Amino acid sequence: MKLRWFIIIGIFQVSCQTQYPKNVKIREAEAMLNPAPDSALHILLSIPHPEKLPRADYAAWCLYYTHAQYILHQNILSESLIRISTDYYDKSKLYKESGTAYYLLGCILESHFKYNDAMQAYKQAEYKLQKTEERKLMAKVYFNMGRICMADEFYIQSLNYYKKSLKYYILAKDIGSQAYAYREISETYNKMNYPFDSVMHYSALALKLSNDRGDSTNYYSVLSQQGEFYYNRDNLRSKEYLLVGFQHIPALRSYYAAFLSLVYSKLNKPDSAGYYLRISLADTLNLKTKTAEYLAEAYVARGKSNHNQAFLSLEKAYLNRDSILQNSIRSQLYLIDKQYDITQKEKENTELKITIRNNVILITISVIALLISMITLLLIKKQLKKKQVLYQMEKQRMEYEIKTKEIENEQKHKLLLTRLQNKVDNTLRFNRLKKGLSEQKKEAFLEEIAKQLIFSDKEWQYYIDEINNIFEKKITSLSDGNNELTRSDFIVITHICLRMDITDSCSLLNMSKETMYHRRRIIKERIGLNREIDLEEWIIQNINLKINPVDLGIQN
């Protein structure tokens, strides 16, 4: 029973660890944060020993104290206080507070030039705030992410974040901040060489909204920005707008001075160009204008016909630009933006390194597997090619043998048919001669001629065997299961295979046509054919004769 109560109390205590602050002063400071951040900061400082407050109250105190400092543009030297808030709210369902804490952490890290860590903090803030209705804060997160990508010259990612920022500013109906988003979108379009009309469209929107809201700082910034846009298009207008930035934005005087030096050089006003160049060069800490300064030096030197100095300055400009690009390429911001998984809220830097390492290993294994696959495919292809060559050779050999066999069969066929035809011719001549002989001479004549004209049993068997070989044993295969077929039957069948005329066949076998037809009917019965089936057609179809009777000289 006691154990159950301890468990219930423990659960209650854990649930109370992530709750809204109970301290009245902290709640009062929260209410004053946006309308009067200085008053909120004063209230928070009036709380003695805030670190001794309950965890929920102390986490809230750290959050609102850091937020008030940030709104008042105070220099925040350390992120230790805001990390107390991020750690406390990270595993809670207080997504607004958690998202705000990560947003402030990102702002502090960015101010300390820790851009990689800042981008991770902003990604965490994005994940948390997606579960809330904090549209304006979400817009600020995207705006800052766009600014980091822009500084690192990842323009596509920067444009994507700026457009998301604009979307949330519109939903929050924050017209003043919309002007800033329009201004940065215009700047990004210009960097990406979008059509000039599109660049000026967004710039004009930024200028109008800034003017409508009475935001002179942004208004002058947009005009100066347009001066940069017109730099290679309209030197007079460019000079006019750049002078606005030079006069009204002291923090960027050296930056605009470098551009003014370039513009005056193009307008053939070397004195003015030299004046603004000296102002720009006096600011040795502003590395952002180095490329423009070197270009201005080149123009001024060229105006004074000092071509060697012009060349050296121009070379410095390109080297400086190349150095900036190399630093941009080495940056890890794009890698962090792509690999950071917002769905895993507990991922830390060590997990990110493990993921990168695993990806490298996976890519290496994939490359090795791909190479192995390619080598295997090449070997298979080579083997198939070899088999194909062997197959073609075997095919040619078989075709040659078949062709040779066909020629031999054709020659045998012609030879047999010729011999049979000679027998027929001799038989016919014999019959004609027999009619004119006397009875005494007939007997001797017949005996002598019979030896030459009438086939012996051995000769007939030879013909049957040869013709059977020509037609691939298909003639003797007719006797399979039909053992009643006689040699006389096979002789008739061979004559049919040779396409011999029935009259010649009768003469050669010394029988009448009626006897021949009778013999053919007997053959059909022995093979098992219906009486309606024509024996010649059936034999030719089943033996599948390939030799053209015309080629053999057979006359029907």
Protein backbone atom coordinates (compact mmCIF):
# COMPACT_ATOMS: atom_id res chain seq x y z
CA MET A 1 0.00 0.00 0.00
CA LYS A 2 2.82 2.41 0.93
CA LEU A 3 4.68 1.54 -2.25
CA ARG A 4 1.62 2.47 -4.33
CA TRP A 5 1.37 5.86 -2.61
CA PHE A 6 5.07 6.49 -3.21
CA ILE A 7 4.55 5.75 -6.91
CA ILE A 8 1.53 8.08 -7.13
CA ILE A 9 3.43 10.86 -5.34
CA GLY A 10 6.44 10.35 -7.61
CA ILE A 11 4.29 10.58 -10.74
CA PHE A 12 2.65 13.73 -9.38
CA GLN A 13 6.05 15.28 -8.66
CA VAL A 14 7.33 14.45 -12.14
CA SER A 15 4.20 15.92 -13.71
CA CYS A 16 4.64 19.07 -11.69
CA GLN A 17 8.21 19.50 -12.91
CA THR A 18 7.08 20.84 -16.29
CA GLN A 19 4.43 23.39 -15.43
CA TYR A 20 3.84 27.12 -15.72
CA PRO A 21 5.58 29.29 -13.10
CA LYS A 22 3.69 29.99 -9.91
CA ASN A 23 5.76 32.99 -8.88
CA VAL A 24 3.62 36.13 -9.19
CA LYS A 25 6.49 38.41 -10.20
CA ILE A 26 7.53 36.05 -12.97
CA ARG A 27 3.96 35.99 -14.31
CA GLU A 28 3.88 39.79 -14.13
CA ALA A 29 7.18 40.02 -16.03
CA GLU A 30 5.81 37.69 -18.71
CA ALA A 31 2.83 40.02 -19.24
CA MET A 32 5.11 43.08 -19.53
CA LEU A 33 7.66 41.45 -21.84
CA ASN A 34 6.37 42.76 -25.19
CA PRO A 35 4.82 46.11 -24.28
CA ALA A 36 7.55 47.14 -21.82
CA PRO A 37 10.61 44.84 -21.87
CA ASP A 38 12.61 47.23 -19.66
CA SER A 39 9.92 46.99 -16.95
CA ALA A 40 9.87 43.19 -17.29
CA LEU A 41 13.64 43.09 -16.87
CA HIS A 42 13.40 45.32 -13.77
CA ILE A 43 10.78 43.02 -12.21
CA LEU A 44 12.90 39.93 -12.85
CA LEU A 45 16.01 41.54 -11.34
CA SER A 46 14.02 42.34 -8.21
CA ILE A 47 13.66 38.62 -7.42
CA PRO A 48 16.45 37.63 -4.96
CA HIS A 49 18.33 34.38 -5.66
CA PRO A 50 16.21 33.15 -8.61
CA GLU A 51 18.35 29.99 -8.76
CA LYS A 52 16.73 28.89 -5.46
CA LEU A 53 13.24 29.01 -6.97
CA PRO A 54 11.43 25.77 -7.95
CA ARG A 55 12.64 24.34 -11.25
CA ALA A 56 9.59 25.51 -13.20
CA ASP A 57 9.90 29.05 -11.86
CA TYR A 58 13.66 29.21 -12.39
CA ALA A 59 13.38 27.93 -15.99
CA ALA A 60 10.74 30.60 -16.66
CA TRP A 61 12.89 33.27 -15.02
CA CYS A 62 15.87 32.36 -17.24
CA LEU A 63 13.64 32.40 -20.34
CA TYR A 64 12.00 35.78 -19.71
CA TYR A 65 15.21 37.39 -18.45
CA THR A 66 17.12 36.37 -21.61
CA HIS A 67 14.17 37.40 -23.80
CA ALA A 68 14.02 40.84 -22.23
CA GLN A 69 17.76 41.31 -22.71
CA TYR A 70 17.46 40.33 -26.36
CA ILE A 71 14.56 42.70 -27.04
CA LEU A 72 16.51 45.54 -25.40
CA HIS A 73 19.56 44.73 -27.58
CA GLN A 74 21.78 44.02 -24.62
CA ASN A 75 25.03 42.15 -25.13
CA ILE A 76 24.43 38.59 -23.90
CA LEU A 77 27.86 37.14 -23.21
CA SER A 78 26.85 33.55 -22.44
CA GLU A 79 24.11 31.11 -23.42
CA SER A 80 24.26 29.30 -20.07
CA LEU A 81 21.02 30.80 -18.70
CA ILE A 82 18.93 30.08 -21.80
CA ARG A 83 20.23 26.51 -21.90
CA ILE A 84 18.65 25.98 -18.47
CA SER A 85 15.35 26.81 -20.14
CA THR A 86 15.93 24.66 -23.22
CA ASP A 87 16.91 21.66 -21.09
CA TYR A 88 13.86 22.07 -18.84
CA TYR A 89 11.26 22.59 -21.58
CA ASP A 90 12.75 20.18 -24.11
CA LYS A 91 10.90 17.10 -22.83
CA SER A 92 7.75 18.95 -21.83
CA LYS A 93 4.58 19.74 -23.74
CA LEU A 94 5.11 23.47 -23.26
CA TYR A 95 5.97 23.87 -26.93
CA LYS A 96 5.67 27.67 -26.98
CA GLU A 97 8.17 28.10 -24.14
CA SER A 98 10.46 25.40 -25.59
CA GLY A 99 10.38 26.95 -29.05
CA THR A 100 11.03 30.42 -27.67
CA ALA A 101 13.98 29.16 -25.64
CA TYR A 102 15.55 27.49 -28.68
CA TYR A 103 14.92 30.62 -30.77
CA LEU A 104 16.75 32.78 -28.20
CA LEU A 105 19.56 30.22 -28.00
CA GLY A 106 19.95 30.44 -31.76
CA CYS A 107 20.03 34.26 -31.63
CA ILE A 108 22.76 34.24 -28.96
CA LEU A 109 24.85 31.64 -30.80
CA GLU A 110 24.49 33.59 -34.03
CA SER A 111 25.68 36.78 -32.31
CA HIS A 112 28.76 34.81 -31.16
CA PHE A 113 29.36 33.70 -34.80
CA LYS A 114 28.58 30.05 -33.97
CA TYR A 115 26.47 29.66 -37.08
CA ASN A 116 26.40 25.86 -37.16
CA ASP A 117 25.13 25.62 -33.58
CA ALA A 118 22.73 28.49 -34.21
CA MET A 119 21.21 26.69 -37.20
CA GLN A 120 20.66 23.58 -35.08
CA ALA A 121 18.94 25.64 -32.39
CA TYR A 122 16.68 27.27 -34.98
CA LYS A 123 15.77 23.86 -36.39
CA GLN A 124 14.75 22.74 -32.89
CA ALA A 125 12.71 25.92 -32.48
CA GLU A 126 11.00 25.23 -35.82
CA TYR A 127 10.08 21.71 -34.69
CA LYS A 128 8.64 22.91 -31.38
CA LEU A 129 6.75 25.91 -32.75
CA GLN A 130 5.08 23.86 -35.48
CA LYS A 131 2.89 22.46 -32.69
CA THR A 132 1.72 25.94 -31.65
CA GLU A 133 -0.07 28.95 -33.11
CA GLU A 134 2.96 31.22 -32.61
CA ARG A 135 3.04 32.56 -36.14
CA LYS A 136 5.13 35.66 -35.53
CA LEU A 137 7.80 33.78 -33.60
CA MET A 138 7.88 31.09 -36.30
CA ALA A 139 8.38 33.84 -38.89
CA LYS A 140 11.37 35.17 -36.91
CA VAL A 141 12.90 31.71 -36.77
CA TYR A 142 12.64 31.29 -40.54
CA PHE A 143 13.93 34.85 -41.11
CA ASN A 144 17.06 34.18 -39.05
CA MET A 145 17.65 30.85 -40.79
CA GLY A 146 17.38 32.63 -44.13
CA ARG A 147 19.87 35.25 -42.97
CA ILE A 148 22.45 32.59 -41.99
CA CYS A 149 22.09 30.82 -45.35
CA MET A 150 22.37 34.15 -47.17
CA ALA A 151 25.60 35.00 -45.34
CA ASP A 152 26.98 31.64 -46.42
CA GLU A 153 25.71 32.20 -49.99
CA PHE A 154 23.28 29.29 -50.02
CA TYR A 155 20.76 31.36 -51.92
CA ILE A 156 18.22 28.65 -52.74
CA GLN A 157 17.87 27.64 -49.07
CA SER A 158 17.88 31.28 -48.02
CA LEU A 159 15.06 32.16 -50.44
CA ASN A 160 13.01 29.21 -49.18
CA TYR A 161 13.32 30.35 -45.57
CA TYR A 162 12.58 34.00 -46.39
CA LYS A 163 9.41 33.01 -48.23
CA LYS A 164 8.30 30.87 -45.29
CA SER A 165 9.02 33.82 -43.01
CA LEU A 166 6.87 36.09 -45.22
CA LYS A 167 4.03 33.55 -45.13
CA TYR A 168 3.93 33.56 -41.32
CA TYR A 169 4.30 37.34 -41.10
CA ILE A 170 1.26 37.66 -43.36
CA LEU A 171 -0.68 35.20 -41.17
CA ALA A 172 0.37 37.21 -38.10
CA LYS A 173 -0.65 40.46 -39.92
CA ASP A 174 2.73 41.99 -39.03
CA ILE A 175 3.05 44.54 -41.85
CA GLY A 176 6.29 46.06 -40.59
CA SER A 177 8.09 42.73 -40.53
CA GLN A 178 6.65 41.84 -43.94
CA ALA A 179 8.63 44.76 -45.34
CA TYR A 180 11.87 43.20 -44.03
CA ALA A 181 10.97 39.85 -45.59
CA TYR A 182 10.20 41.52 -48.94
CA ARG A 183 13.52 43.35 -48.78
CA GLU A 184 15.50 40.14 -48.19
CA ILE A 185 13.60 38.23 -50.89
CA SER A 186 14.45 41.03 -53.32
CA GLU A 187 18.11 40.86 -52.29
CA THR A 188 18.14 37.06 -52.76
CA TYR A 189 16.51 37.35 -56.18
CA ASN A 190 19.24 39.79 -57.18
CA LYS A 191 21.97 37.40 -55.98
CA MET A 192 20.38 34.57 -57.95
CA ASN A 193 20.17 36.71 -61.15
CA TYR A 194 16.38 36.62 -61.31
CA PRO A 195 14.74 38.98 -63.82
CA PHE A 196 15.24 42.61 -62.78
CA ASP A 197 11.47 43.24 -62.78
CA SER A 198 10.97 40.49 -60.16
CA VAL A 199 13.79 41.92 -58.03
CA MET A 200 12.29 45.43 -58.14
CA HIS A 201 8.75 44.12 -57.54
CA TYR A 202 9.64 42.81 -54.09
CA SER A 203 11.85 45.81 -53.39
CA ALA A 204 8.98 48.17 -54.22
CA LEU A 205 6.67 46.25 -51.85
CA ALA A 206 9.28 46.55 -49.09
CA LEU A 207 9.65 50.29 -49.75
CA LYS A 208 5.89 50.88 -49.68
CA LEU A 209 5.23 48.92 -46.48
CA SER A 210 8.18 50.59 -44.72
CA ASN A 211 6.87 54.00 -45.71
CA ASP A 212 3.30 53.10 -44.63
CA ARG A 213 4.57 51.97 -41.21
CA GLY A 214 6.84 54.97 -40.79
CA ASP A 215 9.91 52.73 -40.48
CA SER A 216 12.54 55.19 -41.70
CA THR A 217 15.44 52.81 -40.97
CA ASN A 218 14.11 50.09 -43.23
CA TYR A 219 12.92 52.68 -45.78
CA TYR A 220 16.47 54.05 -46.16
CA SER A 221 17.88 50.51 -46.24
CA VAL A 222 15.57 49.55 -49.10
CA LEU A 223 16.46 52.70 -51.07
CA SER A 224 20.17 52.01 -50.57
CA GLN A 225 19.59 48.41 -51.63
CA GLN A 226 17.99 49.67 -54.85
CA GLY A 227 21.11 51.77 -55.37
CA GLU A 228 23.09 48.51 -55.43
CA PHE A 229 20.57 46.97 -57.84
CA TYR A 230 20.98 49.88 -60.28
CA TYR A 231 24.79 49.72 -60.00
CA ASN A 232 25.26 48.16 -63.46
CA ARG A 233 22.09 49.63 -65.01
CA ASP A 234 21.68 53.30 -64.13
CA ASN A 235 24.72 54.96 -62.55
CA LEU A 236 22.95 58.24 -61.78
CA ARG A 237 20.04 56.58 -59.99
CA SER A 238 22.44 54.20 -58.26
CA LYS A 239 24.48 57.15 -56.95
CA GLU A 240 21.33 58.93 -55.71
CA TYR A 241 20.05 55.94 -53.73
CA LEU A 242 23.48 54.97 -52.36
CA LEU A 243 23.93 58.50 -51.00
CA VAL A 244 20.74 57.96 -48.97
CA GLY A 245 22.31 54.95 -47.26
CA PHE A 246 25.62 56.77 -46.79
CA GLN A 247 23.87 59.72 -45.11
CA HIS A 248 21.21 57.95 -43.02
CA ILE A 249 22.79 54.61 -42.05
CA PRO A 250 26.04 55.41 -40.16
CA ALA A 251 26.82 51.76 -39.40
CA LEU A 252 27.20 51.04 -43.12
CA ARG A 253 28.89 54.25 -44.27
CA SER A 254 32.10 52.48 -45.33
CA TYR A 255 30.10 49.84 -47.19
CA TYR A 256 28.13 52.39 -49.20
CA ALA A 257 31.29 54.50 -49.65
CA ALA A 258 32.92 51.60 -51.52
CA PHE A 259 29.98 51.37 -53.92
CA LEU A 260 29.85 55.16 -54.33
CA SER A 261 33.53 55.12 -55.26
CA LEU A 262 32.76 52.57 -57.99
CA VAL A 263 29.77 54.54 -59.28
CA TYR A 264 31.65 57.86 -59.38
CA SER A 265 34.49 56.10 -61.23
CA LYS A 266 32.01 54.97 -63.87
CA LEU A 267 30.64 58.54 -64.05
CA ASN A 268 34.19 59.77 -64.76
CA LYS A 269 34.42 61.73 -61.51
CA PRO A 270 37.78 60.60 -60.15
CA ASP A 271 37.92 63.16 -57.33
CA SER A 272 34.61 62.03 -55.83
CA ALA A 273 35.59 58.41 -56.42
CA GLY A 274 38.84 58.92 -54.54
CA TYR A 275 37.04 60.72 -51.69
CA TYR A 276 34.66 57.87 -51.03
CA LEU A 277 37.38 55.29 -51.55
CA ARG A 278 39.44 56.86 -48.74
CA ILE A 279 36.41 56.73 -46.44
CA SER A 280 35.90 53.04 -47.24
CA LEU A 281 39.57 52.18 -46.80
CA ALA A 282 39.64 53.92 -43.42
CA ASP A 283 37.37 51.17 -42.03
CA THR A 284 39.85 48.30 -41.78
CA LEU A 285 37.43 46.07 -39.86
CA ASN A 286 34.76 45.87 -42.52
CA LEU A 287 35.76 42.81 -44.56
CA LYS A 288 32.42 42.82 -46.35
CA THR A 289 33.46 45.70 -48.62
CA LYS A 290 36.96 44.47 -49.52
CA THR A 291 35.98 43.26 -52.99
CA ALA A 292 34.19 46.52 -53.77
CA GLU A 293 37.14 48.51 -52.41
CA TYR A 294 39.63 46.68 -54.62
CA LEU A 295 37.38 47.26 -57.64
CA ALA A 296 37.09 50.94 -56.77
CA GLU A 297 40.88 51.17 -56.48
CA ALA A 298 41.18 49.61 -59.91
CA TYR A 299 38.78 52.15 -61.46
CA VAL A 300 40.49 55.09 -59.75
CA ALA A 301 43.92 53.87 -60.87
CA ARG A 302 42.68 53.40 -64.41
CA GLY A 303 41.30 56.96 -64.38
CA LYS A 304 44.81 58.15 -63.50
CA SER A 305 46.30 55.98 -66.29
CA ASN A 306 48.08 53.86 -63.66
CA HIS A 307 47.39 50.58 -65.41
CA ASN A 308 49.76 48.46 -63.30
CA GLN A 309 48.02 49.51 -60.09
CA ALA A 310 44.63 48.97 -61.74
CA PHE A 311 45.62 45.44 -62.67
CA LEU A 312 46.92 44.63 -59.17
CA SER A 313 43.76 45.98 -57.53
CA LEU A 314 41.56 44.05 -59.92
CA GLU A 315 43.53 40.89 -59.17
CA LYS A 316 43.04 41.46 -55.42
CA ALA A 317 39.30 41.85 -55.98
CA TYR A 318 39.04 38.49 -57.73
CA LEU A 319 41.29 36.75 -55.19
CA ASN A 320 39.20 38.12 -52.34
CA ARG A 321 35.99 37.00 -54.05
CA ASP A 322 37.48 33.55 -54.64
CA SER A 323 38.49 33.34 -50.97
CA ILE A 324 34.92 34.15 -49.90
CA LEU A 325 33.56 31.45 -52.19
CA GLN A 326 36.03 28.88 -50.85
CA ASN A 327 35.05 29.66 -47.27
CA SER A 328 31.42 29.31 -48.29
CA ILE A 329 32.09 25.90 -49.82
CA ARG A 330 33.86 24.71 -46.67
CA SER A 331 30.95 25.77 -44.47
CA GLN A 332 28.85 23.04 -42.87
CA LEU A 333 25.62 25.03 -42.77
CA TYR A 334 24.10 23.41 -45.81
CA LEU A 335 25.05 19.97 -44.51
CA ILE A 336 23.42 20.69 -41.14
CA ASP A 337 20.29 22.05 -42.77
CA LYS A 338 19.86 18.93 -44.90
CA GLN A 339 20.86 16.24 -42.41
CA TYR A 340 19.19 17.57 -39.30
CA ASP A 341 16.11 15.47 -38.60
CA ILE A 342 13.50 17.65 -36.92
CA THR A 343 11.36 14.64 -36.04
CA GLN A 344 14.01 13.38 -33.59
CA LYS A 345 13.90 16.05 -30.90
CA GLU A 346 16.45 14.31 -28.68
CA LYS A 347 19.21 14.22 -31.26
CA GLU A 348 22.45 15.86 -30.07
CA ASN A 349 25.71 16.74 -31.72
CA THR A 350 27.22 13.31 -31.05
CA GLU A 351 24.26 11.61 -32.75
CA LEU A 352 24.64 13.91 -35.73
CA LYS A 353 28.31 12.94 -36.04
CA ILE A 354 27.40 9.26 -35.82
CA THR A 355 24.80 9.77 -38.54
CA ILE A 356 27.33 11.49 -40.78
CA ARG A 357 29.86 8.72 -40.16
CA ASN A 358 27.28 6.03 -40.87
CA ASN A 359 26.28 7.82 -44.07
CA VAL A 360 29.91 7.94 -45.17
CA ILE A 361 30.28 4.21 -44.42
CA LEU A 362 27.02 3.47 -46.23
CA ILE A 363 28.09 5.52 -49.24
CA THR A 364 31.47 3.77 -49.26
CA ILE A 365 29.82 0.35 -49.08
CA SER A 366 27.37 1.39 -51.78
CA VAL A 367 30.20 2.53 -54.03
CA ILE A 368 32.08 -0.73 -53.44
CA ALA A 369 28.91 -2.73 -54.07
CA LEU A 370 28.29 -0.72 -57.22
CA LEU A 371 31.83 -1.37 -58.43
CA ILE A 372 31.50 -5.09 -57.66
CA SER A 373 28.18 -5.16 -59.50
CA MET A 374 29.69 -3.39 -62.50
CA ILE A 375 32.66 -5.79 -62.57
CA THR A 376 30.29 -8.77 -62.24
CA LEU A 377 28.12 -7.44 -65.05
CA LEU A 378 31.19 -6.93 -67.24
CA LEU A 379 32.34 -10.51 -66.55
CA ILE A 380 28.86 -11.86 -67.26
CA LYS A 381 28.70 -9.78 -70.42
CA LYS A 382 32.09 -11.08 -71.49
CA GLN A 383 31.03 -14.67 -70.76
CA LEU A 384 27.77 -14.20 -72.65
CA LYS A 385 29.68 -12.70 -75.57
CA LYS A 386 32.01 -15.70 -75.55
CA LYS A 387 29.06 -18.11 -75.45
CA GLN A 388 27.41 -16.15 -78.24
CA VAL A 389 30.53 -16.50 -80.39
CA LEU A 390 30.65 -20.24 -79.67
CA TYR A 391 26.94 -20.49 -80.41
CA GLN A 392 27.39 -18.71 -83.74
CA MET A 393 30.27 -20.98 -84.62
CA GLU A 394 28.27 -24.08 -83.69
CA LYS A 395 25.29 -22.76 -85.61
CA GLN A 396 27.42 -22.18 -88.70
CA ARG A 397 28.90 -25.68 -88.35
CA MET A 398 25.45 -27.25 -88.06
CA GLU A 399 24.14 -25.20 -90.97
CA TYR A 400 27.10 -26.35 -93.03
CA GLU A 401 26.50 -30.00 -92.11
CA ILE A 402 22.78 -29.71 -92.83
CA LYS A 403 23.49 -28.03 -96.15
CA THR A 404 26.05 -30.70 -97.00
CA LYS A 405 23.60 -33.43 -95.98
CA GLU A 406 20.86 -31.87 -98.09
CA ILE A 407 23.16 -31.72 -101.09
CA GLU A 408 24.17 -35.36 -100.60
CA ASN A 409 20.54 -36.43 -100.21
CA GLU A 410 19.58 -34.43 -103.27
CA GLN A 411 22.34 -36.09 -105.29
CA LYS A 412 21.34 -39.53 -104.01
CA HIS A 413 17.73 -38.73 -104.74
CA LYS A 414 18.54 -37.71 -108.31
CA LEU A 415 20.76 -40.73 -108.78
CA LEU A 416 18.13 -43.19 -107.55
CA LEU A 417 15.42 -41.51 -109.54
CA THR A 418 17.62 -41.54 -112.65
CA ARG A 419 18.34 -45.22 -112.25
CA LEU A 420 14.68 -46.00 -111.75
CA GLN A 421 13.78 -43.87 -114.75
CA ASN A 422 16.35 -45.75 -116.82
CA LYS A 423 14.77 -49.00 -115.70
CA VAL A 424 11.38 -47.70 -116.77
CA ASP A 425 12.69 -46.63 -120.17
CA ASN A 426 14.41 -49.98 -120.69
CA THR A 427 11.26 -51.83 -119.67
CA LEU A 428 9.20 -49.90 -122.19
CA ARG A 429 11.70 -50.57 -124.97
CA PHE A 430 11.78 -54.21 -123.93
CA ASN A 431 8.01 -54.52 -124.24
CA ARG A 432 8.10 -52.98 -127.69
CA LEU A 433 10.90 -55.30 -128.87
CA LYS A 434 9.23 -58.37 -127.40
CA LYS A 435 6.28 -58.01 -129.74
CA GLY A 436 8.47 -58.41 -132.87
CA LEU A 437 10.41 -61.55 -131.82
CA SER A 438 9.64 -65.16 -132.65
CA GLU A 439 8.63 -67.54 -129.93
CA GLN A 440 11.99 -69.35 -130.00
CA LYS A 441 14.01 -66.20 -129.61
CA LYS A 442 11.69 -64.66 -127.06
CA GLU A 443 12.71 -67.06 -124.32
CA ALA A 444 16.44 -66.40 -124.65
CA PHE A 445 15.88 -62.66 -125.12
CA LEU A 446 13.64 -62.45 -122.09
CA GLU A 447 16.12 -64.29 -119.94
CA GLU A 448 18.96 -61.98 -120.93
CA ILE A 449 16.96 -58.73 -120.67
CA ALA A 450 15.32 -59.71 -117.37
CA LYS A 451 18.71 -59.79 -115.77
CA GLN A 452 19.18 -56.14 -116.71
CA LEU A 453 15.67 -54.77 -116.23
CA ILE A 454 14.13 -56.57 -113.26
CA PHE A 455 15.36 -55.60 -109.79
CA SER A 456 16.50 -58.38 -107.54
CA ASP A 457 15.38 -58.53 -103.93
CA LYS A 458 18.75 -57.23 -102.84
CA GLU A 459 18.50 -54.22 -105.19
CA TRP A 460 15.02 -53.32 -104.00
CA GLN A 461 16.18 -53.43 -100.38
CA TYR A 462 19.10 -51.16 -101.25
CA TYR A 463 16.69 -48.61 -102.79
CA ILE A 464 14.41 -48.79 -99.77
CA ASP A 465 17.34 -48.22 -97.37
CA GLU A 466 18.80 -45.32 -99.36
CA ILE A 467 15.51 -43.50 -99.75
CA ASN A 468 14.75 -44.12 -96.06
CA ASN A 469 18.09 -42.45 -95.14
CA ILE A 470 17.33 -39.48 -97.39
CA PHE A 471 14.05 -38.91 -95.57
CA GLU A 472 15.58 -39.28 -92.06
CA LYS A 473 14.22 -42.78 -91.31
CA LYS A 474 10.64 -41.57 -91.62
CA ILE A 475 9.71 -44.26 -94.12
CA THR A 476 10.57 -47.21 -91.88
CA SER A 477 9.00 -45.37 -88.92
CA LEU A 478 5.65 -46.03 -90.62
CA SER A 479 5.96 -49.65 -89.55
CA ASP A 480 6.08 -48.75 -85.82
CA GLY A 481 3.08 -50.52 -84.35
CA ASN A 482 2.11 -51.70 -87.88
CA ASN A 483 4.26 -54.79 -88.47
CA GLU A 484 2.01 -55.95 -91.37
CA LEU A 485 3.78 -53.62 -93.85
CA THR A 486 5.78 -55.73 -96.33
CA ARG A 487 8.79 -54.92 -98.48
CA SER A 488 6.45 -54.62 -101.48
CA ASP A 489 4.50 -52.02 -99.49
CA PHE A 490 7.72 -50.11 -98.77
CA ILE A 491 8.63 -50.19 -102.48
CA VAL A 492 5.30 -48.50 -103.35
CA ILE A 493 5.81 -46.00 -100.51
CA THR A 494 9.33 -45.12 -101.79
CA HIS A 495 7.91 -44.49 -105.28
CA ILE A 496 5.36 -42.10 -103.72
CA CYS A 497 8.12 -40.33 -101.77
CA LEU A 498 10.07 -39.90 -105.02
CA ARG A 499 6.93 -38.45 -106.63
CA MET A 500 7.13 -41.06 -109.33
CA ASP A 501 4.26 -41.18 -111.82
CA ILE A 502 1.91 -44.08 -111.14
CA THR A 503 2.22 -45.29 -114.76
CA ASP A 504 6.02 -45.48 -114.48
CA SER A 505 5.70 -47.20 -111.16
CA CYS A 506 3.37 -49.81 -112.66
CA SER A 507 5.75 -50.39 -115.54
CA LEU A 508 8.73 -50.76 -113.22
CA LEU A 509 6.88 -53.21 -110.97
CA ASN A 510 5.21 -54.97 -113.91
CA MET A 511 1.70 -54.54 -112.59
CA SER A 512 -1.49 -52.94 -113.81
CA LYS A 513 -2.95 -49.74 -112.42
CA GLU A 514 -5.82 -51.70 -110.85
CA THR A 515 -3.28 -53.85 -109.04
CA MET A 516 -1.40 -50.70 -107.93
CA TYR A 517 -4.58 -49.09 -106.58
CA HIS A 518 -5.40 -52.32 -104.78
CA ARG A 519 -1.89 -52.36 -103.28
CA ARG A 520 -2.33 -48.77 -102.08
CA ARG A 521 -5.65 -49.61 -100.39
CA ILE A 522 -3.95 -52.49 -98.59
CA ILE A 523 -1.18 -50.10 -97.39
CA LYS A 524 -3.78 -47.67 -96.00
CA GLU A 525 -5.50 -50.46 -94.10
CA ARG A 526 -2.20 -51.64 -92.64
CA ILE A 527 -1.21 -48.13 -91.58
CA GLY A 528 -4.68 -47.60 -90.13
CA LEU A 529 -5.91 -44.76 -92.38
CA ASN A 530 -9.51 -44.06 -93.34
CA ARG A 531 -10.44 -44.99 -96.88
CA GLU A 532 -11.31 -41.35 -97.67
CA ILE A 533 -7.70 -40.20 -97.03
CA ASP A 534 -5.45 -39.90 -100.07
CA LEU A 535 -2.34 -42.02 -99.43
CA GLU A 536 0.03 -39.82 -101.47
CA GLU A 537 -0.99 -36.62 -99.63
CA TRP A 538 -0.78 -38.30 -96.23
CA ILE A 539 2.72 -39.75 -96.86
CA ILE A 540 4.07 -36.46 -98.24
CA GLN A 541 2.63 -34.50 -95.33
CA ASN A 542 3.98 -36.87 -92.64
CA ILE A 543 7.40 -37.36 -94.16
CA ASN A 544 7.54 -33.56 -94.76
CA LEU A 545 9.48 -33.67 -97.98
CA LYS A 546 11.84 -30.73 -98.40
CA ILE A 547 13.17 -31.54 -101.89
CA ASN A 548 11.49 -29.82 -104.77
CA PRO A 549 10.48 -32.41 -107.35
CA VAL A 550 11.12 -29.89 -110.16
CA ASP A 551 14.77 -29.67 -109.02
CA LEU A 552 14.99 -33.44 -109.28
CA GLY A 553 13.66 -33.45 -112.85
CA ILE A 554 10.45 -35.35 -111.91
CA GLN A 555 7.61 -34.96 -114.40
CA ASN A 556 4.06 -35.51 -113.26
